[in-house]
């Protein structure tokens, strides 16, 4: 059943149109918070980032730092089709294609760079990829660096799989060992 909320749309009186009482009320709230936090600093919620992190809300988990997926044989899933580079509204992806020597039909990215300083984290590259080779599911939030060049990620920094995917490159050792044991290979 749908509930209906009645809204009071009466005209404002003279004091309400001046907004002075509302401004004074806002200043009182700000002053109260200032003095409460001044005399009780332990009540301020502070996180010592990057040593401590808070769990991400569900909506933020959908778009975190980029990664390129790796096949089980260790080669990148990316076929250098330039779809992600074309779809990127910030022009932060740079790809240079090369051909495999034994397979001239399929290409791979010899250079795959993402400049996270320019990236707007929109996820258009993930949506545009026909091979499902790029993902933004690492739960790492980029930023907080002292040098701008640290935000430029190359191919080797991007190539990795998460635990549970076919290739174990980039997965933690404990999870990799568990995976190999479950497959009877360790």
N, C-alpha and C. Protein backbone atom coordinates (compact mmCIF):
# COMPACT_ATOMS: atom_id res chain seq x y z
N UNK A 1 0.84 -1.18 0.00
CA UNK A 1 0.00 0.00 0.00
C UNK A 1 0.89 1.24 0.00
N UNK A 2 0.50 2.22 -0.77
CA UNK A 2 1.26 3.46 -0.88
C UNK A 2 0.78 4.43 0.19
N UNK A 3 1.74 5.02 0.88
CA UNK A 3 1.36 6.01 1.88
C UNK A 3 1.54 7.41 1.29
N UNK A 4 0.74 8.31 1.72
CA UNK A 4 0.77 9.68 1.24
C UNK A 4 1.17 10.58 2.39
N UNK A 5 2.15 11.43 2.15
CA UNK A 5 2.59 12.37 3.17
C UNK A 5 2.03 13.75 2.83
N UNK A 6 1.37 14.34 3.80
CA UNK A 6 0.82 15.68 3.62
C UNK A 6 1.94 16.69 3.83
N UNK A 7 2.05 17.64 2.91
CA UNK A 7 3.07 18.67 2.97
C UNK A 7 2.39 20.00 3.24
N UNK A 8 2.96 20.74 4.20
CA UNK A 8 2.41 22.04 4.55
C UNK A 8 3.00 23.08 3.59
N UNK A 9 2.21 23.58 2.66
CA UNK A 9 2.67 24.56 1.68
C UNK A 9 2.15 25.96 2.00
N UNK A 10 2.10 26.28 3.27
CA UNK A 10 1.60 27.61 3.63
C UNK A 10 2.64 28.67 3.25
N UNK A 11 2.21 29.89 3.01
CA UNK A 11 3.17 30.96 2.68
C UNK A 11 4.02 31.31 3.90
N UNK A 12 5.27 31.71 3.66
CA UNK A 12 6.18 32.07 4.74
C UNK A 12 5.81 33.42 5.32
N UNK A 13 5.98 33.57 6.64
CA UNK A 13 5.73 34.87 7.24
C UNK A 13 6.98 35.74 7.07
N UNK A 14 6.96 36.96 7.62
CA UNK A 14 8.04 37.93 7.41
C UNK A 14 9.38 37.42 7.96
N UNK A 15 9.41 36.89 9.19
CA UNK A 15 10.67 36.40 9.77
C UNK A 15 11.22 35.19 9.01
N UNK A 16 10.35 34.35 8.56
CA UNK A 16 10.80 33.18 7.80
C UNK A 16 11.36 33.59 6.44
N UNK A 17 10.83 34.64 5.86
CA UNK A 17 11.37 35.11 4.59
C UNK A 17 12.73 35.78 4.76
N UNK A 18 13.00 36.35 5.92
CA UNK A 18 14.31 36.95 6.17
C UNK A 18 15.39 35.90 6.41
N UNK A 19 15.02 34.72 6.81
CA UNK A 19 15.91 33.59 7.09
C UNK A 19 16.86 33.85 8.26
N UNK A 20 16.69 34.94 8.98
CA UNK A 20 17.60 35.24 10.10
C UNK A 20 17.48 34.22 11.23
N UNK A 21 16.28 33.80 11.63
CA UNK A 21 16.23 32.78 12.68
C UNK A 21 16.89 31.47 12.25
N UNK A 22 16.74 31.11 10.98
CA UNK A 22 17.35 29.87 10.49
C UNK A 22 18.87 29.99 10.45
N UNK A 23 19.38 31.14 10.08
CA UNK A 23 20.83 31.35 10.09
C UNK A 23 21.36 31.26 11.51
N UNK A 24 20.67 31.87 12.46
CA UNK A 24 21.10 31.82 13.86
C UNK A 24 21.05 30.37 14.38
N UNK A 25 20.01 29.63 13.99
CA UNK A 25 19.91 28.23 14.41
C UNK A 25 21.07 27.40 13.84
N UNK A 26 21.43 27.64 12.60
CA UNK A 26 22.55 26.94 11.98
C UNK A 26 23.87 27.27 12.65
N UNK A 27 24.06 28.54 13.01
CA UNK A 27 25.27 28.95 13.73
C UNK A 27 25.35 28.31 15.10
N UNK A 28 24.22 28.16 15.77
CA UNK A 28 24.21 27.50 17.07
C UNK A 28 24.61 26.03 16.95
N UNK A 29 24.11 25.35 15.94
CA UNK A 29 24.48 23.95 15.75
C UNK A 29 25.99 23.82 15.48
N UNK A 30 26.52 24.69 14.61
CA UNK A 30 27.94 24.66 14.29
C UNK A 30 28.79 24.96 15.52
N UNK A 31 28.38 25.96 16.30
CA UNK A 31 29.12 26.31 17.52
C UNK A 31 29.08 25.18 18.53
N UNK A 32 27.92 24.54 18.68
CA UNK A 32 27.83 23.42 19.61
C UNK A 32 28.76 22.28 19.19
N UNK A 33 28.79 21.93 17.91
CA UNK A 33 29.70 20.89 17.43
C UNK A 33 31.15 21.27 17.65
N UNK A 34 31.49 22.53 17.43
CA UNK A 34 32.87 22.98 17.62
C UNK A 34 33.32 22.77 19.07
N UNK A 35 32.51 23.21 20.01
CA UNK A 35 32.93 23.10 21.41
C UNK A 35 32.87 21.65 21.93
N UNK A 36 31.90 20.87 21.48
CA UNK A 36 31.87 19.46 21.88
C UNK A 36 33.12 18.75 21.38
N UNK A 37 33.52 18.98 20.13
CA UNK A 37 34.72 18.34 19.58
C UNK A 37 36.00 18.92 20.16
N UNK A 38 35.98 20.17 20.58
CA UNK A 38 37.16 20.79 21.17
C UNK A 38 37.49 20.17 22.53
N UNK A 39 36.46 19.92 23.33
CA UNK A 39 36.70 19.39 24.67
C UNK A 39 36.59 17.86 24.75
N UNK A 40 36.14 17.20 23.69
CA UNK A 40 36.06 15.75 23.67
C UNK A 40 36.57 15.24 22.31
N UNK A 41 37.89 15.32 22.05
CA UNK A 41 38.40 14.92 20.73
C UNK A 41 38.30 13.41 20.47
N UNK A 42 38.14 12.60 21.51
CA UNK A 42 38.03 11.15 21.29
C UNK A 42 36.69 10.78 20.66
N UNK A 43 35.73 11.68 20.71
CA UNK A 43 34.43 11.41 20.11
C UNK A 43 34.40 11.67 18.61
N UNK A 44 35.49 12.23 18.05
CA UNK A 44 35.54 12.51 16.62
C UNK A 44 35.92 11.23 15.88
N UNK A 45 35.12 10.79 14.95
CA UNK A 45 35.47 9.57 14.21
C UNK A 45 36.61 9.84 13.24
N UNK A 46 37.79 9.29 13.53
CA UNK A 46 38.97 9.50 12.71
C UNK A 46 39.53 8.16 12.27
N UNK A 47 39.88 8.06 11.01
CA UNK A 47 40.50 6.86 10.47
C UNK A 47 41.91 7.23 10.05
N UNK A 48 42.89 6.46 10.50
CA UNK A 48 44.29 6.72 10.17
C UNK A 48 44.60 6.08 8.82
N UNK A 49 44.12 6.73 7.74
CA UNK A 49 44.33 6.21 6.39
C UNK A 49 45.77 6.45 5.99
N UNK A 50 46.48 5.58 5.36
CA UNK A 50 46.12 4.32 4.74
C UNK A 50 46.35 3.10 5.63
N UNK A 51 46.81 3.29 6.87
CA UNK A 51 47.01 2.14 7.74
C UNK A 51 45.69 1.47 8.10
N UNK A 52 44.66 2.26 8.35
CA UNK A 52 43.34 1.74 8.64
C UNK A 52 42.41 2.07 7.47
N UNK A 53 41.54 1.16 7.15
CA UNK A 53 40.56 1.44 6.10
C UNK A 53 39.18 1.03 6.59
N UNK A 54 38.19 1.69 6.10
CA UNK A 54 36.81 1.35 6.39
C UNK A 54 36.27 0.48 5.26
N UNK A 55 35.34 -0.41 5.56
CA UNK A 55 34.74 -1.19 4.46
C UNK A 55 33.97 -0.26 3.53
N UNK A 56 34.09 -0.54 2.23
CA UNK A 56 33.42 0.29 1.24
C UNK A 56 31.93 0.01 1.21
N UNK A 57 31.12 1.04 1.01
CA UNK A 57 29.69 0.78 0.81
C UNK A 57 29.49 0.03 -0.51
N UNK A 58 28.36 -0.60 -0.65
CA UNK A 58 28.12 -1.47 -1.81
C UNK A 58 28.26 -0.72 -3.13
N UNK A 59 27.78 0.50 -3.21
CA UNK A 59 27.83 1.25 -4.46
C UNK A 59 29.27 1.57 -4.86
N UNK A 60 30.15 1.80 -3.89
CA UNK A 60 31.53 2.14 -4.20
C UNK A 60 32.33 0.92 -4.64
N UNK A 61 31.87 -0.29 -4.31
CA UNK A 61 32.59 -1.50 -4.69
C UNK A 61 32.53 -1.75 -6.18
N UNK A 62 31.60 -1.14 -6.85
CA UNK A 62 31.42 -1.41 -8.26
C UNK A 62 32.49 -0.75 -9.13
N UNK A 63 33.08 0.33 -8.68
CA UNK A 63 34.10 1.01 -9.47
C UNK A 63 35.28 1.40 -8.60
N UNK A 64 36.25 0.51 -8.54
CA UNK A 64 37.50 0.81 -7.84
C UNK A 64 38.63 0.72 -8.86
N UNK A 65 39.87 0.54 -8.41
CA UNK A 65 41.02 0.58 -9.31
C UNK A 65 40.92 -0.48 -10.41
N UNK A 66 41.45 -0.15 -11.58
CA UNK A 66 41.40 -1.01 -12.75
C UNK A 66 42.34 -2.20 -12.61
N UNK A 67 42.04 -3.24 -13.39
CA UNK A 67 42.95 -4.36 -13.56
C UNK A 67 42.67 -5.00 -14.91
N UNK A 68 43.69 -5.62 -15.48
CA UNK A 68 43.54 -6.39 -16.71
C UNK A 68 43.54 -7.86 -16.33
N UNK A 69 42.57 -8.60 -16.81
CA UNK A 69 42.47 -10.01 -16.46
C UNK A 69 43.49 -10.81 -17.26
N UNK A 70 43.90 -11.94 -16.66
CA UNK A 70 44.92 -12.81 -17.24
C UNK A 70 44.29 -14.17 -17.52
N UNK A 71 44.63 -14.76 -18.66
CA UNK A 71 44.15 -16.11 -18.98
C UNK A 71 44.90 -17.14 -18.14
N UNK A 72 44.46 -18.38 -18.20
CA UNK A 72 45.08 -19.45 -17.43
C UNK A 72 46.52 -19.70 -17.88
N UNK A 73 46.85 -19.43 -19.15
CA UNK A 73 48.22 -19.65 -19.62
C UNK A 73 49.14 -18.47 -19.31
N UNK A 74 48.62 -17.41 -18.69
CA UNK A 74 49.44 -16.27 -18.29
C UNK A 74 49.41 -15.11 -19.26
N UNK A 75 48.75 -15.26 -20.41
CA UNK A 75 48.67 -14.17 -21.38
C UNK A 75 47.49 -13.26 -21.01
N UNK A 76 47.57 -11.98 -21.39
CA UNK A 76 46.45 -11.08 -21.07
C UNK A 76 45.22 -11.41 -21.90
N UNK A 77 44.04 -11.22 -21.30
CA UNK A 77 42.78 -11.45 -22.02
C UNK A 77 42.54 -10.36 -23.06
N UNK A 78 43.19 -9.24 -22.89
CA UNK A 78 43.01 -8.10 -23.80
C UNK A 78 43.53 -8.46 -25.19
N UNK A 79 42.75 -8.13 -26.22
CA UNK A 79 43.15 -8.37 -27.60
C UNK A 79 43.46 -7.06 -28.33
N UNK A 80 43.66 -6.00 -27.59
CA UNK A 80 44.04 -4.69 -28.13
C UNK A 80 43.08 -4.23 -29.22
N UNK A 81 41.82 -4.23 -28.92
CA UNK A 81 40.81 -3.80 -29.89
C UNK A 81 40.55 -2.29 -29.82
N UNK A 82 41.09 -1.63 -28.82
CA UNK A 82 40.99 -0.18 -28.64
C UNK A 82 39.59 0.30 -28.30
N UNK A 83 38.69 -0.60 -27.93
CA UNK A 83 37.32 -0.19 -27.58
C UNK A 83 37.31 0.62 -26.29
N UNK A 84 38.09 0.19 -25.29
CA UNK A 84 38.11 0.92 -24.02
C UNK A 84 38.73 2.30 -24.20
N UNK A 85 39.78 2.38 -25.01
CA UNK A 85 40.42 3.66 -25.27
C UNK A 85 39.47 4.60 -25.99
N UNK A 86 38.67 4.08 -26.90
CA UNK A 86 37.71 4.88 -27.65
C UNK A 86 36.56 5.34 -26.77
N UNK A 87 36.11 4.47 -25.87
CA UNK A 87 34.96 4.80 -25.02
C UNK A 87 35.31 5.73 -23.87
N UNK A 88 36.58 5.85 -23.53
CA UNK A 88 36.98 6.64 -22.36
C UNK A 88 36.72 8.14 -22.59
N UNK A 89 35.88 8.76 -21.76
CA UNK A 89 35.60 10.19 -21.95
C UNK A 89 36.75 11.08 -21.47
N UNK A 90 37.64 10.57 -20.64
CA UNK A 90 38.75 11.38 -20.11
C UNK A 90 40.04 11.18 -20.90
N UNK A 91 40.03 10.30 -21.88
CA UNK A 91 41.22 10.00 -22.69
C UNK A 91 42.42 9.64 -21.83
N UNK A 92 42.20 8.77 -20.86
CA UNK A 92 43.28 8.41 -19.94
C UNK A 92 43.89 7.05 -20.25
N UNK A 93 43.39 6.35 -21.26
CA UNK A 93 43.90 5.02 -21.62
C UNK A 93 44.71 5.12 -22.91
N UNK A 94 45.92 4.53 -22.88
CA UNK A 94 46.79 4.51 -24.07
C UNK A 94 47.17 3.06 -24.34
N UNK A 95 46.90 2.59 -25.56
CA UNK A 95 47.18 1.21 -25.94
C UNK A 95 48.02 1.20 -27.22
N UNK A 96 49.02 0.32 -27.24
CA UNK A 96 49.76 0.04 -28.47
C UNK A 96 49.68 -1.47 -28.68
N UNK A 97 49.23 -1.87 -29.86
CA UNK A 97 49.01 -3.29 -30.14
C UNK A 97 50.26 -3.93 -30.74
N UNK A 98 50.38 -5.23 -30.50
CA UNK A 98 51.43 -6.05 -31.11
C UNK A 98 50.83 -7.41 -31.44
N UNK A 99 51.49 -8.14 -32.35
CA UNK A 99 51.00 -9.46 -32.74
C UNK A 99 51.84 -10.55 -32.09
N UNK A 100 51.19 -11.65 -31.76
CA UNK A 100 51.92 -12.81 -31.27
C UNK A 100 52.75 -13.37 -32.43
N UNK A 101 54.00 -13.81 -32.18
CA UNK A 101 54.80 -14.34 -33.28
C UNK A 101 54.24 -15.66 -33.84
N UNK A 102 53.63 -16.48 -33.00
CA UNK A 102 53.12 -17.77 -33.46
C UNK A 102 51.65 -17.69 -33.90
N UNK A 103 50.96 -16.58 -33.61
CA UNK A 103 49.56 -16.45 -33.97
C UNK A 103 49.33 -15.03 -34.52
N UNK A 104 49.46 -14.86 -35.85
CA UNK A 104 49.33 -13.50 -36.40
C UNK A 104 47.90 -12.99 -36.43
N UNK A 105 46.93 -13.81 -36.07
CA UNK A 105 45.54 -13.39 -36.11
C UNK A 105 45.19 -12.57 -34.87
N UNK A 106 45.65 -13.02 -33.71
CA UNK A 106 45.29 -12.36 -32.45
C UNK A 106 46.37 -11.37 -32.03
N UNK A 107 45.94 -10.24 -31.52
CA UNK A 107 46.86 -9.21 -31.04
C UNK A 107 46.85 -9.19 -29.52
N UNK A 108 47.82 -8.50 -28.94
CA UNK A 108 47.89 -8.29 -27.50
C UNK A 108 48.39 -6.87 -27.27
N UNK A 109 48.15 -6.31 -26.11
CA UNK A 109 48.62 -4.95 -25.86
C UNK A 109 50.09 -4.95 -25.45
N UNK A 110 50.95 -4.43 -26.32
CA UNK A 110 52.36 -4.28 -25.96
C UNK A 110 52.49 -3.17 -24.92
N UNK A 111 51.67 -2.15 -25.04
CA UNK A 111 51.62 -1.05 -24.08
C UNK A 111 50.16 -0.85 -23.70
N UNK A 112 49.87 -0.85 -22.42
CA UNK A 112 48.53 -0.56 -21.92
C UNK A 112 48.70 0.32 -20.69
N UNK A 113 48.49 1.61 -20.84
CA UNK A 113 48.69 2.57 -19.75
C UNK A 113 47.37 3.22 -19.39
N UNK A 114 47.16 3.40 -18.09
CA UNK A 114 46.00 4.16 -17.59
C UNK A 114 46.53 5.24 -16.66
N UNK A 115 46.16 6.47 -16.93
CA UNK A 115 46.54 7.60 -16.08
C UNK A 115 45.40 7.85 -15.10
N UNK A 116 45.56 7.37 -13.87
CA UNK A 116 44.49 7.51 -12.87
C UNK A 116 44.30 8.96 -12.42
N UNK A 117 45.27 9.83 -12.69
CA UNK A 117 45.09 11.24 -12.37
C UNK A 117 44.04 11.88 -13.28
N UNK A 118 43.85 11.34 -14.45
CA UNK A 118 42.86 11.86 -15.39
C UNK A 118 41.56 11.06 -15.37
N UNK A 119 41.61 9.83 -14.88
CA UNK A 119 40.45 8.94 -14.92
C UNK A 119 39.32 9.48 -14.04
N UNK A 120 38.10 9.40 -14.54
CA UNK A 120 36.94 9.86 -13.79
C UNK A 120 36.16 8.69 -13.18
N UNK A 121 36.72 7.48 -13.27
CA UNK A 121 36.14 6.27 -12.66
C UNK A 121 34.69 6.05 -13.11
N UNK A 122 34.44 6.25 -14.37
CA UNK A 122 33.07 6.12 -14.88
C UNK A 122 32.71 4.68 -15.23
N UNK A 123 33.69 3.85 -15.52
CA UNK A 123 33.43 2.46 -15.86
C UNK A 123 33.06 2.24 -17.32
N UNK A 124 33.19 3.25 -18.15
CA UNK A 124 32.86 3.10 -19.57
C UNK A 124 33.81 2.11 -20.25
N UNK A 125 35.06 2.05 -19.80
CA UNK A 125 36.02 1.11 -20.40
C UNK A 125 35.60 -0.33 -20.13
N UNK A 126 35.08 -0.58 -18.94
CA UNK A 126 34.64 -1.93 -18.58
C UNK A 126 33.43 -2.32 -19.42
N UNK A 127 32.51 -1.38 -19.61
CA UNK A 127 31.31 -1.66 -20.39
C UNK A 127 31.63 -1.87 -21.87
N UNK A 128 32.66 -1.17 -22.38
CA UNK A 128 32.96 -1.23 -23.80
C UNK A 128 33.77 -2.47 -24.18
N UNK A 129 34.43 -3.12 -23.25
CA UNK A 129 35.33 -4.24 -23.55
C UNK A 129 34.54 -5.47 -24.01
N UNK A 130 34.75 -5.93 -25.26
CA UNK A 130 34.01 -7.10 -25.73
C UNK A 130 34.57 -8.42 -25.19
N UNK A 131 35.79 -8.41 -24.68
CA UNK A 131 36.44 -9.63 -24.19
C UNK A 131 36.36 -9.78 -22.68
N UNK A 132 35.74 -8.83 -21.99
CA UNK A 132 35.69 -8.83 -20.53
C UNK A 132 37.10 -8.91 -19.96
N UNK A 133 38.01 -8.11 -20.54
CA UNK A 133 39.42 -8.16 -20.15
C UNK A 133 39.78 -7.12 -19.11
N UNK A 134 39.01 -6.07 -18.99
CA UNK A 134 39.31 -5.02 -18.01
C UNK A 134 38.19 -5.01 -16.97
N UNK A 135 38.59 -4.80 -15.72
CA UNK A 135 37.61 -4.78 -14.63
C UNK A 135 38.00 -3.70 -13.64
N UNK A 136 37.02 -3.25 -12.88
CA UNK A 136 37.25 -2.25 -11.83
C UNK A 136 36.72 -2.79 -10.51
N UNK A 137 37.23 -3.95 -10.09
CA UNK A 137 36.71 -4.63 -8.92
C UNK A 137 37.78 -5.00 -7.90
N UNK A 138 38.84 -4.23 -7.82
CA UNK A 138 39.95 -4.57 -6.92
C UNK A 138 39.72 -4.12 -5.48
N UNK A 139 38.69 -3.32 -5.23
CA UNK A 139 38.40 -2.73 -3.91
C UNK A 139 39.52 -1.83 -3.42
N UNK A 140 40.36 -1.32 -4.32
CA UNK A 140 41.41 -0.37 -3.99
C UNK A 140 41.01 0.98 -4.58
N UNK A 141 41.08 2.00 -3.76
CA UNK A 141 40.73 3.34 -4.22
C UNK A 141 42.02 4.07 -4.55
N UNK A 142 42.20 4.51 -5.80
CA UNK A 142 43.44 5.20 -6.15
C UNK A 142 43.47 6.60 -5.57
N UNK A 143 44.67 7.08 -5.34
CA UNK A 143 44.85 8.44 -4.85
C UNK A 143 45.78 8.49 -3.66
N UNK A 144 46.07 9.67 -3.19
CA UNK A 144 46.94 9.84 -2.03
C UNK A 144 48.38 9.52 -2.31
N UNK A 145 48.94 10.04 -3.40
CA UNK A 145 50.33 9.80 -3.73
C UNK A 145 51.09 11.12 -3.69
N UNK A 146 52.40 11.01 -3.51
CA UNK A 146 53.23 12.21 -3.47
C UNK A 146 53.73 12.62 -4.84
N UNK A 147 53.76 11.70 -5.78
CA UNK A 147 54.26 11.97 -7.12
C UNK A 147 53.17 11.63 -8.13
N UNK A 148 52.91 12.52 -9.05
CA UNK A 148 51.86 12.31 -10.04
C UNK A 148 52.13 11.08 -10.91
N UNK A 149 53.39 10.77 -11.14
CA UNK A 149 53.74 9.61 -11.97
C UNK A 149 53.34 8.29 -11.31
N UNK A 150 53.11 8.29 -10.00
CA UNK A 150 52.68 7.06 -9.33
C UNK A 150 51.25 6.69 -9.71
N UNK A 151 50.49 7.62 -10.26
CA UNK A 151 49.13 7.34 -10.69
C UNK A 151 49.05 6.85 -12.13
N UNK A 152 50.20 6.74 -12.80
CA UNK A 152 50.23 6.20 -14.15
C UNK A 152 50.56 4.72 -14.06
N UNK A 153 49.58 3.90 -14.39
CA UNK A 153 49.74 2.45 -14.28
C UNK A 153 50.05 1.86 -15.65
N UNK A 154 51.10 1.06 -15.70
CA UNK A 154 51.47 0.38 -16.93
C UNK A 154 50.85 -1.00 -16.99
N UNK A 155 51.19 -1.71 -18.05
CA UNK A 155 50.59 -3.03 -18.29
C UNK A 155 50.92 -4.01 -17.17
N UNK A 156 52.15 -4.02 -16.70
CA UNK A 156 52.54 -4.98 -15.66
C UNK A 156 51.84 -4.68 -14.33
N UNK A 157 51.58 -3.41 -14.05
CA UNK A 157 50.87 -3.06 -12.81
C UNK A 157 49.38 -3.42 -12.90
N UNK A 158 48.86 -3.50 -14.11
CA UNK A 158 47.44 -3.78 -14.30
C UNK A 158 47.14 -5.26 -14.44
N UNK A 159 48.08 -6.06 -14.92
CA UNK A 159 47.84 -7.48 -15.16
C UNK A 159 47.78 -8.25 -13.86
N UNK A 160 46.60 -8.72 -13.52
CA UNK A 160 46.44 -9.58 -12.35
C UNK A 160 45.01 -10.09 -12.29
N UNK A 161 44.88 -11.22 -11.65
CA UNK A 161 43.56 -11.80 -11.42
C UNK A 161 43.27 -11.79 -9.93
N UNK A 162 42.02 -11.83 -9.61
CA UNK A 162 41.62 -11.96 -8.21
C UNK A 162 41.56 -13.43 -7.86
N UNK A 163 41.53 -13.74 -6.59
CA UNK A 163 41.47 -15.12 -6.15
C UNK A 163 40.20 -15.78 -6.67
N UNK A 164 40.32 -17.00 -7.13
CA UNK A 164 39.18 -17.74 -7.63
C UNK A 164 39.04 -17.70 -9.13
N UNK A 165 39.84 -16.89 -9.82
CA UNK A 165 39.80 -16.86 -11.27
C UNK A 165 40.79 -17.89 -11.82
N UNK A 166 40.67 -18.29 -13.07
CA UNK A 166 41.48 -19.40 -13.59
C UNK A 166 42.99 -19.22 -13.43
N UNK A 167 43.53 -18.05 -13.72
CA UNK A 167 44.96 -17.84 -13.56
C UNK A 167 45.24 -17.37 -12.15
N UNK A 168 46.33 -17.82 -11.59
CA UNK A 168 46.66 -17.45 -10.21
C UNK A 168 47.62 -16.28 -10.15
N UNK A 169 47.97 -15.69 -11.27
CA UNK A 169 48.89 -14.57 -11.28
C UNK A 169 48.24 -13.39 -10.56
N UNK A 170 48.87 -12.91 -9.51
CA UNK A 170 48.36 -11.79 -8.75
C UNK A 170 47.53 -12.19 -7.55
N UNK A 171 47.11 -13.44 -7.45
CA UNK A 171 46.34 -13.88 -6.28
C UNK A 171 47.30 -14.14 -5.13
N UNK A 172 46.80 -14.06 -3.92
CA UNK A 172 47.67 -14.28 -2.77
C UNK A 172 48.13 -15.74 -2.71
N UNK A 173 49.28 -15.99 -2.10
CA UNK A 173 49.85 -17.34 -2.07
C UNK A 173 48.94 -18.32 -1.36
N UNK A 174 48.33 -17.92 -0.25
CA UNK A 174 47.46 -18.83 0.49
C UNK A 174 46.29 -19.26 -0.38
N UNK A 175 45.68 -18.29 -1.05
CA UNK A 175 44.53 -18.61 -1.91
C UNK A 175 44.98 -19.43 -3.11
N UNK A 176 46.16 -19.16 -3.64
CA UNK A 176 46.67 -19.93 -4.77
C UNK A 176 46.92 -21.37 -4.36
N UNK A 177 47.50 -21.58 -3.19
CA UNK A 177 47.74 -22.94 -2.71
C UNK A 177 46.43 -23.67 -2.47
N UNK A 178 45.45 -23.00 -1.90
CA UNK A 178 44.14 -23.62 -1.68
C UNK A 178 43.51 -24.03 -3.02
N UNK A 179 43.65 -23.17 -4.00
CA UNK A 179 43.09 -23.48 -5.33
C UNK A 179 43.78 -24.68 -5.94
N UNK A 180 45.12 -24.72 -5.86
CA UNK A 180 45.86 -25.86 -6.42
C UNK A 180 45.53 -27.15 -5.69
N UNK A 181 45.35 -27.09 -4.35
CA UNK A 181 45.00 -28.28 -3.61
C UNK A 181 43.62 -28.79 -4.00
N UNK A 182 42.70 -27.87 -4.21
CA UNK A 182 41.35 -28.29 -4.61
C UNK A 182 41.35 -28.93 -6.01
N UNK A 183 42.31 -28.56 -6.85
CA UNK A 183 42.41 -29.13 -8.19
C UNK A 183 43.30 -30.39 -8.20
N UNK A 184 43.94 -30.71 -7.03
CA UNK A 184 44.81 -31.88 -6.94
C UNK A 184 46.16 -31.67 -7.58
N UNK A 185 46.62 -30.40 -7.68
CA UNK A 185 47.90 -30.10 -8.33
C UNK A 185 48.99 -29.77 -7.35
N UNK A 186 48.69 -29.70 -6.06
CA UNK A 186 49.74 -29.32 -5.09
C UNK A 186 50.05 -30.47 -4.17
